[in-house]
Protein backbone atom coordinates (compact mmCIF):
# COMPACT_ATOMS: atom_id res chain seq x y z
CA UNK A 1 -46.84 -37.51 -104.07
CA UNK A 2 -48.75 -39.08 -106.96
CA UNK A 3 -51.88 -39.29 -104.82
CA UNK A 4 -51.56 -35.62 -103.84
CA UNK A 5 -51.36 -34.60 -107.50
CA UNK A 6 -54.42 -36.69 -108.25
CA UNK A 7 -56.35 -34.86 -105.53
CA UNK A 8 -56.11 -31.63 -107.50
CA UNK A 9 -57.59 -33.31 -110.58
CA UNK A 10 -60.52 -34.92 -108.79
CA UNK A 11 -64.03 -33.53 -108.39
CA UNK A 12 -65.03 -34.26 -104.79
CA UNK A 13 -68.53 -35.72 -104.42
CA UNK A 14 -70.35 -33.49 -101.98
CA UNK A 15 -73.14 -34.50 -99.58
CA UNK A 16 -74.92 -31.15 -99.58
CA UNK A 17 -78.70 -31.09 -100.20
CA UNK A 18 -80.29 -29.63 -103.33
CA UNK A 19 -82.04 -26.89 -101.35
CA UNK A 20 -81.18 -24.61 -98.43
CA UNK A 21 -83.46 -22.25 -96.53
CA UNK A 22 -82.49 -19.39 -94.26
CA UNK A 23 -85.21 -17.90 -92.07
CA UNK A 24 -84.67 -14.50 -90.47
CA UNK A 25 -87.67 -13.73 -88.29
CA UNK A 26 -90.62 -13.91 -90.68
CA UNK A 27 -88.51 -13.56 -93.82
CA UNK A 28 -87.48 -16.66 -95.74
CA UNK A 29 -84.66 -16.97 -98.25
CA UNK A 30 -84.57 -20.07 -100.42
CA UNK A 31 -81.42 -21.27 -102.16
CA UNK A 32 -80.84 -23.95 -104.82
CA UNK A 33 -77.63 -25.94 -105.08
CA UNK A 34 -75.82 -25.31 -108.35
CA UNK A 35 -74.52 -28.01 -110.63
CA UNK A 36 -73.73 -28.18 -114.33
CA UNK A 37 -73.73 -30.90 -116.96
CA UNK A 38 -70.16 -30.79 -118.27
CA UNK A 39 -68.83 -33.37 -120.72
CA UNK A 40 -71.97 -35.42 -120.16
CA UNK A 41 -71.58 -35.51 -116.37
CA UNK A 42 -73.36 -33.52 -113.67
CA UNK A 43 -70.81 -31.66 -111.57
CA UNK A 44 -70.95 -29.24 -108.67
CA UNK A 45 -67.91 -27.44 -107.34
CA UNK A 46 -64.63 -29.29 -107.84
CA UNK A 47 -63.90 -28.93 -104.10
CA UNK A 48 -63.67 -26.28 -101.39
CA UNK A 49 -60.65 -24.30 -100.31
CA UNK A 50 -58.58 -27.49 -100.31
CA UNK A 51 -58.94 -30.72 -102.29
CA UNK A 52 -60.17 -32.71 -99.28
CA UNK A 53 -63.02 -30.31 -98.46
CA UNK A 54 -66.39 -31.02 -100.11
CA UNK A 55 -68.20 -27.80 -101.05
CA UNK A 56 -71.38 -26.64 -102.75
CA UNK A 57 -72.50 -23.42 -104.42
CA UNK A 58 -76.03 -22.15 -103.71
CA UNK A 59 -78.02 -19.56 -105.63
CA UNK A 60 -80.67 -17.37 -104.01
CA UNK A 61 -83.79 -18.28 -105.98
CA UNK A 62 -86.66 -17.00 -103.86
CA UNK A 63 -87.20 -14.39 -101.20
CA UNK A 64 -86.54 -10.72 -100.47
CA UNK A 65 -84.83 -9.42 -97.37
CA UNK A 66 -85.32 -6.08 -95.63
CA UNK A 67 -83.70 -5.17 -92.33
CA UNK A 68 -83.88 -1.82 -90.59
CA UNK A 69 -85.62 -0.30 -93.59
CA UNK A 70 -82.77 -1.36 -95.92
CA UNK A 71 -83.52 -3.68 -98.83
CA UNK A 72 -80.92 -6.34 -99.65
CA UNK A 73 -79.92 -7.85 -102.97
CA UNK A 74 -82.63 -10.29 -103.90
CA UNK A 75 -83.20 -13.28 -106.14
CA UNK A 76 -82.72 -12.54 -109.82
CA UNK A 77 -79.59 -10.45 -109.29
CA UNK A 78 -77.18 -13.36 -109.24
CA UNK A 79 -73.76 -13.25 -110.88
CA UNK A 80 -71.31 -16.04 -109.96
CA UNK A 81 -74.06 -18.02 -108.24
CA UNK A 82 -76.26 -17.85 -111.34
CA UNK A 83 -73.79 -19.43 -113.75
CA UNK A 84 -75.44 -21.80 -116.23
CA UNK A 85 -73.84 -24.31 -118.58
CA UNK A 86 -73.82 -21.78 -121.42
CA UNK A 87 -71.98 -19.31 -119.18
CA UNK A 88 -69.18 -21.82 -118.56
CA UNK A 89 -67.78 -21.54 -122.07
CA UNK A 90 -64.80 -23.70 -121.13
CA UNK A 91 -64.58 -25.46 -117.79
CA UNK A 92 -60.83 -26.12 -117.94
CA UNK A 93 -60.02 -28.20 -114.89
CA UNK A 94 -63.55 -27.37 -113.67
CA UNK A 95 -63.94 -24.56 -111.10
CA UNK A 96 -63.60 -25.04 -107.38
CA UNK A 97 -64.53 -22.76 -104.53
CA UNK A 98 -61.50 -20.46 -104.67
CA UNK A 99 -61.81 -19.91 -108.43
CA UNK A 100 -65.34 -18.61 -108.01
CA UNK A 101 -64.68 -16.59 -104.86
CA UNK A 102 -61.76 -14.87 -106.63
CA UNK A 103 -64.12 -13.92 -109.46
CA UNK A 104 -66.69 -12.80 -106.91
CA UNK A 105 -64.20 -10.49 -105.20
CA UNK A 106 -63.27 -9.08 -108.60
CA UNK A 107 -66.95 -8.24 -109.05
CA UNK A 108 -66.96 -6.73 -105.56
CA UNK A 109 -64.24 -4.30 -106.70
CA UNK A 110 -65.54 -3.64 -110.21
CA UNK A 111 -68.99 -2.61 -108.98
CA UNK A 112 -67.33 0.69 -107.99
CA UNK A 113 -65.36 1.09 -111.23
CA UNK A 114 -68.11 1.15 -113.84
CA UNK A 115 -67.23 4.60 -115.24
CA UNK A 116 -64.33 3.26 -117.32
CA UNK A 117 -63.15 -0.05 -118.80
CA UNK A 118 -61.50 -1.84 -115.88
CA UNK A 119 -59.66 -5.08 -115.14
CA UNK A 120 -58.75 -6.82 -111.89
CA UNK A 121 -56.44 -9.82 -111.52
CA UNK A 122 -56.85 -11.75 -108.28
CA UNK A 123 -55.10 -14.48 -106.31
CA UNK A 124 -56.07 -15.89 -102.92
CA UNK A 125 -59.07 -13.56 -102.81
CA UNK A 126 -56.93 -10.42 -103.05
CA UNK A 127 -56.23 -8.25 -106.09
CA UNK A 128 -52.70 -8.60 -107.49
CA UNK A 129 -53.17 -5.68 -109.85
CA UNK A 130 -56.04 -3.50 -110.99
CA UNK A 131 -56.43 -0.72 -113.53
CA UNK A 132 -59.00 1.30 -115.41
CA UNK A 133 -58.48 3.37 -118.53
CA UNK A 134 -60.41 5.63 -120.86
CA UNK A 135 -58.20 4.17 -123.62
CA UNK A 136 -60.08 0.88 -123.42
CA UNK A 137 -60.04 -2.56 -121.86
CA UNK A 138 -56.81 -3.75 -123.50
CA UNK A 139 -54.94 -0.86 -121.89
CA UNK A 140 -56.57 -1.56 -118.51
CA UNK A 141 -55.80 -5.29 -118.72
CA UNK A 142 -52.17 -4.68 -119.66
CA UNK A 143 -51.70 -2.22 -116.80
CA UNK A 144 -53.39 -4.57 -114.32
CA UNK A 145 -51.04 -7.39 -115.34
CA UNK A 146 -47.82 -5.40 -115.16
CA UNK A 147 -48.85 -3.90 -111.81
CA UNK A 148 -47.78 -7.24 -110.35
CA UNK A 149 -46.60 -9.67 -112.99
CA UNK A 150 -45.26 -12.09 -110.37
CA UNK A 151 -48.47 -12.51 -108.38
CA UNK A 152 -50.68 -12.57 -111.49
CA UNK A 153 -49.31 -16.02 -112.42
CA UNK A 154 -52.24 -18.42 -112.21
CA UNK A 155 -54.67 -15.67 -111.27
CA UNK A 156 -58.30 -14.91 -112.08
CA UNK A 157 -58.97 -12.08 -114.53
CA UNK A 158 -62.26 -10.19 -114.20
CA UNK A 159 -63.26 -7.34 -116.54
CA UNK A 160 -66.28 -5.07 -116.88
CA UNK A 161 -66.40 -4.71 -120.67
CA UNK A 162 -66.62 -7.28 -123.50
CA UNK A 163 -63.25 -8.98 -123.90
CA UNK A 164 -61.82 -8.46 -127.39
CA UNK A 165 -59.66 -10.75 -129.48
CA UNK A 166 -56.71 -8.41 -128.76
CA UNK A 167 -57.25 -8.83 -125.02
CA UNK A 168 -57.47 -12.59 -125.47
CA UNK A 169 -54.22 -12.65 -127.41
CA UNK A 170 -52.54 -10.71 -124.62
CA UNK A 171 -53.86 -13.15 -122.02
CA UNK A 172 -52.64 -16.24 -123.83
CA UNK A 173 -49.04 -15.01 -123.53
CA UNK A 174 -49.28 -15.71 -119.80
CA UNK A 175 -50.75 -18.25 -117.41
CA UNK A 176 -54.17 -17.60 -115.86
CA UNK A 177 -56.65 -19.96 -114.21
CA UNK A 178 -59.91 -18.08 -114.86
CA UNK A 179 -61.26 -15.27 -117.01
CA UNK A 180 -64.69 -13.69 -116.50
CA UNK A 181 -66.22 -11.07 -118.78
CA UNK A 182 -69.72 -9.80 -119.57
CA UNK A 183 -69.26 -10.93 -123.20
CA UNK A 184 -66.57 -11.91 -125.70
CA UNK A 185 -65.77 -10.23 -129.00
CA UNK A 186 -65.40 -11.98 -132.34
CA UNK A 187 -62.65 -14.58 -132.20
CA UNK A 188 -61.79 -13.98 -128.54
CA UNK A 189 -63.09 -17.32 -127.29
CA UNK A 190 -61.25 -19.26 -130.01
CA UNK A 191 -58.01 -17.61 -128.92
CA UNK A 192 -58.65 -18.27 -125.24
CA UNK A 193 -59.53 -21.92 -125.89
CA UNK A 194 -55.96 -22.56 -127.00
CA UNK A 195 -55.31 -22.61 -123.25
CA UNK A 196 -57.08 -25.90 -122.49
CA UNK A 197 -57.07 -25.57 -118.71
CA UNK A 198 -58.39 -21.99 -118.67
CA UNK A 199 -61.86 -21.60 -117.18
CA UNK A 200 -63.75 -19.16 -119.43
CA UNK A 201 -66.82 -17.62 -117.81
CA UNK A 202 -69.37 -15.30 -119.35
CA UNK A 203 -71.27 -13.25 -116.75
CA UNK A 204 -73.57 -10.75 -118.52
CA UNK A 205 -74.25 -8.88 -115.26
CA UNK A 206 -70.64 -7.62 -115.29
CA UNK A 207 -71.87 -5.00 -117.78
CA UNK A 208 -74.46 -3.68 -115.32
CA UNK A 209 -72.66 -3.60 -111.98
CA UNK A 210 -73.75 -0.04 -111.26
CA UNK A 211 -77.14 -1.54 -110.33
CA UNK A 212 -75.55 -3.21 -107.29
CA UNK A 213 -74.00 -0.14 -105.70
CA UNK A 214 -75.45 0.86 -102.31
CA UNK A 215 -77.60 -2.27 -102.08
CA UNK A 216 -76.08 -4.62 -99.49
CA UNK A 217 -76.09 -8.39 -99.42
CA UNK A 218 -76.40 -10.56 -96.33
CA UNK A 219 -72.83 -11.26 -95.24
CA UNK A 220 -72.50 -14.42 -93.13
CA UNK A 221 -69.40 -15.60 -91.28
CA UNK A 222 -69.35 -19.05 -89.71
CA UNK A 223 -67.50 -19.50 -86.43
CA UNK A 224 -65.44 -22.47 -85.29
CA UNK A 225 -68.10 -23.38 -82.72
CA UNK A 226 -70.79 -23.56 -85.41
CA UNK A 227 -72.17 -20.11 -84.66
CA UNK A 228 -72.74 -17.44 -87.28
CA UNK A 229 -72.11 -13.71 -87.42
CA UNK A 230 -74.47 -11.86 -89.77
CA UNK A 231 -73.76 -8.36 -91.02
CA UNK A 232 -74.66 -5.92 -93.75
CA UNK A 233 -72.04 -6.08 -96.49
CA UNK A 234 -69.60 -3.17 -96.93
CA UNK A 235 -70.91 -0.31 -99.07
CA UNK A 236 -68.41 2.12 -100.55
CA UNK A 237 -69.47 5.71 -99.87
CA UNK A 238 -66.73 7.28 -102.00
CA UNK A 239 -68.12 7.29 -105.53
CA UNK A 240 -67.04 10.80 -106.56
CA UNK A 241 -64.63 13.47 -105.36
CA UNK A 242 -67.45 15.27 -103.56
CA UNK A 243 -67.83 12.27 -101.25
CA UNK A 244 -64.42 12.83 -99.65
CA UNK A 245 -64.28 14.90 -96.46
CA UNK A 246 -61.70 17.63 -95.83
CA UNK A 247 -58.86 16.38 -93.64
CA UNK A 248 -58.90 18.67 -90.62
CA UNK A 249 -58.31 18.31 -86.90
CA UNK A 250 -58.12 20.46 -83.78
CA UNK A 251 -55.78 20.28 -80.81
CA UNK A 252 -55.40 22.74 -77.95
CA UNK A 253 -57.41 25.32 -79.86
CA UNK A 254 -55.29 25.02 -83.03
CA UNK A 255 -56.88 23.76 -86.25
CA UNK A 256 -54.93 22.14 -89.07
CA UNK A 257 -56.25 21.36 -92.54
CA UNK A 258 -54.57 19.40 -95.33
CA UNK A 259 -54.23 20.39 -98.97
CA UNK A 260 -57.08 19.12 -101.15
CA UNK A 261 -55.95 16.71 -103.89
CA UNK A 262 -55.80 17.99 -107.46
CA UNK A 263 -58.04 16.39 -110.15
CA UNK A 264 -55.49 13.73 -111.16
CA UNK A 265 -54.88 12.77 -107.54
CA UNK A 266 -58.63 12.68 -106.88
CA UNK A 267 -59.22 10.29 -109.77
CA UNK A 268 -56.50 7.97 -108.49
CA UNK A 269 -57.84 8.12 -104.93
CA UNK A 270 -61.37 7.22 -106.08
CA UNK A 271 -59.93 4.32 -108.08
CA UNK A 272 -57.71 3.08 -105.24
CA UNK A 273 -60.50 3.30 -102.64
CA UNK A 274 -62.68 1.14 -104.91
CA UNK A 275 -59.93 -1.48 -105.13
CA UNK A 276 -59.51 -1.26 -101.34
CA UNK A 277 -63.01 -2.74 -100.93
CA UNK A 278 -61.60 -6.10 -102.03
CA UNK A 279 -58.35 -6.15 -100.05
CA UNK A 280 -57.84 -8.07 -96.82
CA UNK A 281 -57.19 -5.65 -93.97
CA UNK A 282 -54.97 -4.20 -92.49
CA UNK A 283 -53.97 -2.77 -95.87
CA UNK A 284 -52.77 0.16 -97.94
CA UNK A 285 -52.67 0.66 -101.71
CA UNK A 286 -50.39 2.82 -103.85
CA UNK A 287 -51.85 3.88 -107.21
CA UNK A 288 -50.90 6.17 -110.09
CA UNK A 289 -52.62 7.02 -113.39
CA UNK A 290 -55.44 4.53 -112.84
CA UNK A 291 -53.17 1.60 -112.00
CA UNK A 292 -52.21 -0.02 -108.72
CA UNK A 293 -48.49 0.35 -108.07
CA UNK A 294 -48.46 -1.95 -105.04
CA UNK A 295 -51.04 -3.54 -102.75
CA UNK A 296 -50.19 -4.36 -99.14
CA UNK A 297 -52.52 -6.87 -97.49
CA UNK A 298 -53.28 -8.42 -94.14
CA UNK A 299 -50.63 -6.80 -91.96
CA UNK A 300 -51.00 -6.39 -88.21
CA UNK A 301 -49.59 -2.85 -87.85
CA UNK A 302 -50.19 0.16 -90.06
CA UNK A 303 -46.61 1.39 -90.51
CA UNK A 304 -45.46 -2.18 -91.16
CA UNK A 305 -48.10 -2.47 -93.87
CA UNK A 306 -46.82 0.71 -95.53
CA UNK A 307 -43.24 -0.58 -95.37
CA UNK A 308 -44.26 -3.93 -96.84
CA UNK A 309 -46.13 -2.23 -99.68
CA UNK A 310 -43.10 -0.08 -100.47
CA UNK A 311 -40.97 -3.24 -100.59
CA UNK A 312 -43.47 -4.82 -102.97
CA UNK A 313 -43.42 -1.72 -105.21
CA UNK A 314 -39.64 -1.91 -105.48
CA UNK A 315 -39.75 -5.64 -106.21
CA UNK A 316 -42.43 -5.33 -108.91
CA UNK A 317 -40.62 -2.40 -110.52
CA UNK A 318 -37.35 -4.34 -110.65
CA UNK A 319 -39.12 -7.42 -112.00
CA UNK A 320 -40.70 -5.43 -114.83
CA UNK A 321 -37.26 -4.08 -115.75
CA UNK A 322 -35.77 -7.57 -115.70
CA UNK A 323 -38.60 -8.89 -117.85
CA UNK A 324 -38.59 -6.04 -120.39
CA UNK A 325 -34.79 -5.83 -120.71
CA UNK A 326 -33.77 -9.49 -120.38
CA UNK A 327 -36.91 -11.62 -120.73
CA UNK A 328 -36.37 -13.02 -117.23
CA UNK A 329 -38.12 -12.60 -113.92
CA UNK A 330 -36.19 -10.75 -111.23
CA UNK A 331 -35.61 -14.03 -109.41
CA UNK A 332 -34.41 -15.83 -112.55
CA UNK A 333 -31.96 -12.99 -113.14
CA UNK A 334 -30.75 -13.18 -109.53
CA UNK A 335 -30.13 -16.92 -109.91
CA UNK A 336 -28.29 -16.43 -113.19
CA UNK A 337 -26.21 -13.62 -111.69
CA UNK A 338 -24.62 -16.03 -109.21
CA UNK A 339 -22.53 -17.61 -111.96
CA UNK A 340 -22.75 -15.15 -114.85
CA UNK A 341 -20.80 -11.85 -114.59
CA UNK A 342 -22.86 -10.23 -117.35
CA UNK A 343 -26.09 -11.14 -115.58
CA UNK A 344 -24.63 -9.82 -112.33
CA UNK A 345 -23.92 -6.46 -113.99
CA UNK A 346 -27.45 -6.40 -115.42
CA UNK A 347 -28.91 -7.13 -111.98
CA UNK A 348 -26.83 -4.37 -110.39
CA UNK A 349 -28.02 -1.93 -113.06
CA UNK A 350 -31.66 -2.85 -112.42
CA UNK A 351 -31.22 -2.48 -108.68
CA UNK A 352 -29.66 0.96 -109.15
CA UNK A 353 -32.48 2.07 -111.47
CA UNK A 354 -35.09 0.78 -109.02
CA UNK A 355 -33.50 2.64 -106.13
CA UNK A 356 -33.10 5.85 -108.14
CA UNK A 357 -36.74 5.74 -109.24
CA UNK A 358 -37.98 4.64 -105.81
CA UNK A 359 -39.78 1.67 -107.26
CA UNK A 360 -41.95 3.92 -109.43
CA UNK A 361 -43.67 5.36 -106.36
CA UNK A 362 -43.08 9.12 -106.85
CA UNK A 363 -46.34 10.76 -107.92
CA UNK A 364 -48.46 7.92 -106.54
CA UNK A 365 -51.36 8.30 -104.14
CA UNK A 366 -52.00 6.11 -101.10
CA UNK A 367 -55.22 4.87 -99.56
CA UNK A 368 -55.47 3.17 -96.18
CA UNK A 369 -58.41 1.03 -95.11
CA UNK A 370 -58.08 2.24 -91.50
CA UNK A 371 -56.93 5.45 -89.87
CA UNK A 372 -53.30 6.11 -89.01
CA UNK A 373 -52.80 5.67 -85.24
CA UNK A 374 -49.46 7.49 -85.55
CA UNK A 375 -47.87 9.68 -88.19
CA UNK A 376 -45.10 7.15 -88.88
CA UNK A 377 -46.92 5.39 -91.72
CA UNK A 378 -47.55 8.70 -93.44
CA UNK A 379 -43.95 9.85 -92.98
CA UNK A 380 -42.64 6.61 -94.50
CA UNK A 381 -44.90 7.02 -97.55
CA UNK A 382 -43.98 10.68 -98.04
CA UNK A 383 -40.30 9.72 -98.16
CA UNK A 384 -41.10 7.61 -101.23
CA UNK A 385 -42.77 10.46 -103.12
CA UNK A 386 -46.45 9.89 -102.35
CA UNK A 387 -48.37 13.09 -103.24
CA UNK A 388 -51.87 12.44 -101.84
CA UNK A 389 -53.49 10.23 -99.21
CA UNK A 390 -57.04 9.12 -98.44
CA UNK A 391 -57.83 7.50 -95.11
CA UNK A 392 -60.87 7.18 -92.84
CA UNK A 393 -59.81 9.75 -90.25
CA UNK A 394 -60.95 9.55 -86.65
CA UNK A 395 -57.62 8.84 -84.94
CA UNK A 396 -56.80 10.70 -81.74
CA UNK A 397 -53.61 11.68 -83.56
CA UNK A 398 -55.25 13.08 -86.69
CA UNK A 399 -53.67 16.42 -85.79
CA UNK A 400 -50.15 14.97 -85.97
CA UNK A 401 -50.97 12.98 -89.11
CA UNK A 402 -52.17 16.12 -90.90
CA UNK A 403 -49.10 17.97 -89.67
CA UNK A 404 -47.01 15.30 -91.40
CA UNK A 405 -48.51 16.00 -94.83
CA UNK A 406 -48.44 19.77 -94.28
CA UNK A 407 -44.77 19.70 -93.32
CA UNK A 408 -43.83 17.74 -96.42
CA UNK A 409 -42.07 19.58 -99.24
CA UNK A 410 -43.88 19.81 -101.55
CA UNK A 411 -47.04 19.66 -99.43
CA UNK A 412 -48.88 16.36 -99.64
CA UNK A 413 -52.67 16.29 -99.97
CA UNK A 414 -55.00 14.37 -97.67
CA UNK A 415 -58.73 13.71 -97.47
CA UNK A 416 -60.88 11.62 -95.14
CA UNK A 417 -63.29 8.96 -96.35
CA UNK A 418 -65.39 9.03 -93.18
CA UNK A 419 -65.67 5.23 -93.34
CA UNK A 420 -63.40 2.30 -92.66
CA UNK A 421 -62.91 -0.44 -95.25
CA UNK A 422 -61.77 -3.47 -93.26
CA UNK A 423 -62.27 -6.88 -94.87
CA UNK A 424 -61.52 -9.95 -92.73
């Protein structure tokens, strides 16, 4: 056991070369291996996905790529891969692969949320909670944290505005592994440094993410046999309410059309679809007032994903009640309730409140990264008080799916995105 613990503290020496070149036809992309001098020692990545996997980070330093008339992100536009010593304000336990890929996926989401101060907290390359707010970054950060307080433990926080001292003070109440911001306000870094193991990253490009939108990067996936699949990266087409398509379908000469979302629902659907870009498929997201209510990830069937996400919403709602009313997590309260009658009554009260309020879901919107093959997933969500839905459309049962929202009382809105948002 001692040796296993030591593995997590050790920087693995990697055998990767200082340069890497990728040639696509007559176009050449040159990459440089990244390392940093930290505490007088040159270090690359701590390790890969696991402590026994050597890994290296490479930055694109030369070359432009154009395929099919589409220009890709080129050298000079680096974010995570361009980190320098001065950008690693505090290395903490020194970043490994998953720390940086979590930050990278936060950037992937935030590139579509530049209109307002926004925060994303990630774990295992999926968002735990996300929020944006016209009231400022502190409000967004607080909402992102309490969207899923349980999963946020040990997560990576990524924001798109300078992080203030007030935000830093909020963060130090809880445990995070990484924070990345475009800049830090007066006193913020001093507050954050009281958490010695926190990795504090400054990435100036987080303030200019709108420059990335609609420009793809080369997305490479290595196969077990050593082969590679290359694809254009996902590009979100839903950047304003005008980008949604009316939800309509025809069957046997009959046409059905769904209610169009109202302005508040539209704003939440735009927000949730942006977050969806960073969620492992098959997934759905519930959101309300610029905050994720629950995020369902990686399920095999659509209705099962909706059911799982509802369960998560109920759990997070109950946990927030337990924390605000008793200073305990839901699970700590459940443990205490086994031997403490007062705690048992408190737990029963929280469970009743959660059930009565349907886990905070009424008034939420739902987005789905793929179409609904049956109406069951929609029906399940409507039962919980969902008021508007965005989904790709294109199912052979779109007619029945639209019927489901039209038959709801009150009528539920639906729009199509016209694109799928799978992320494997």
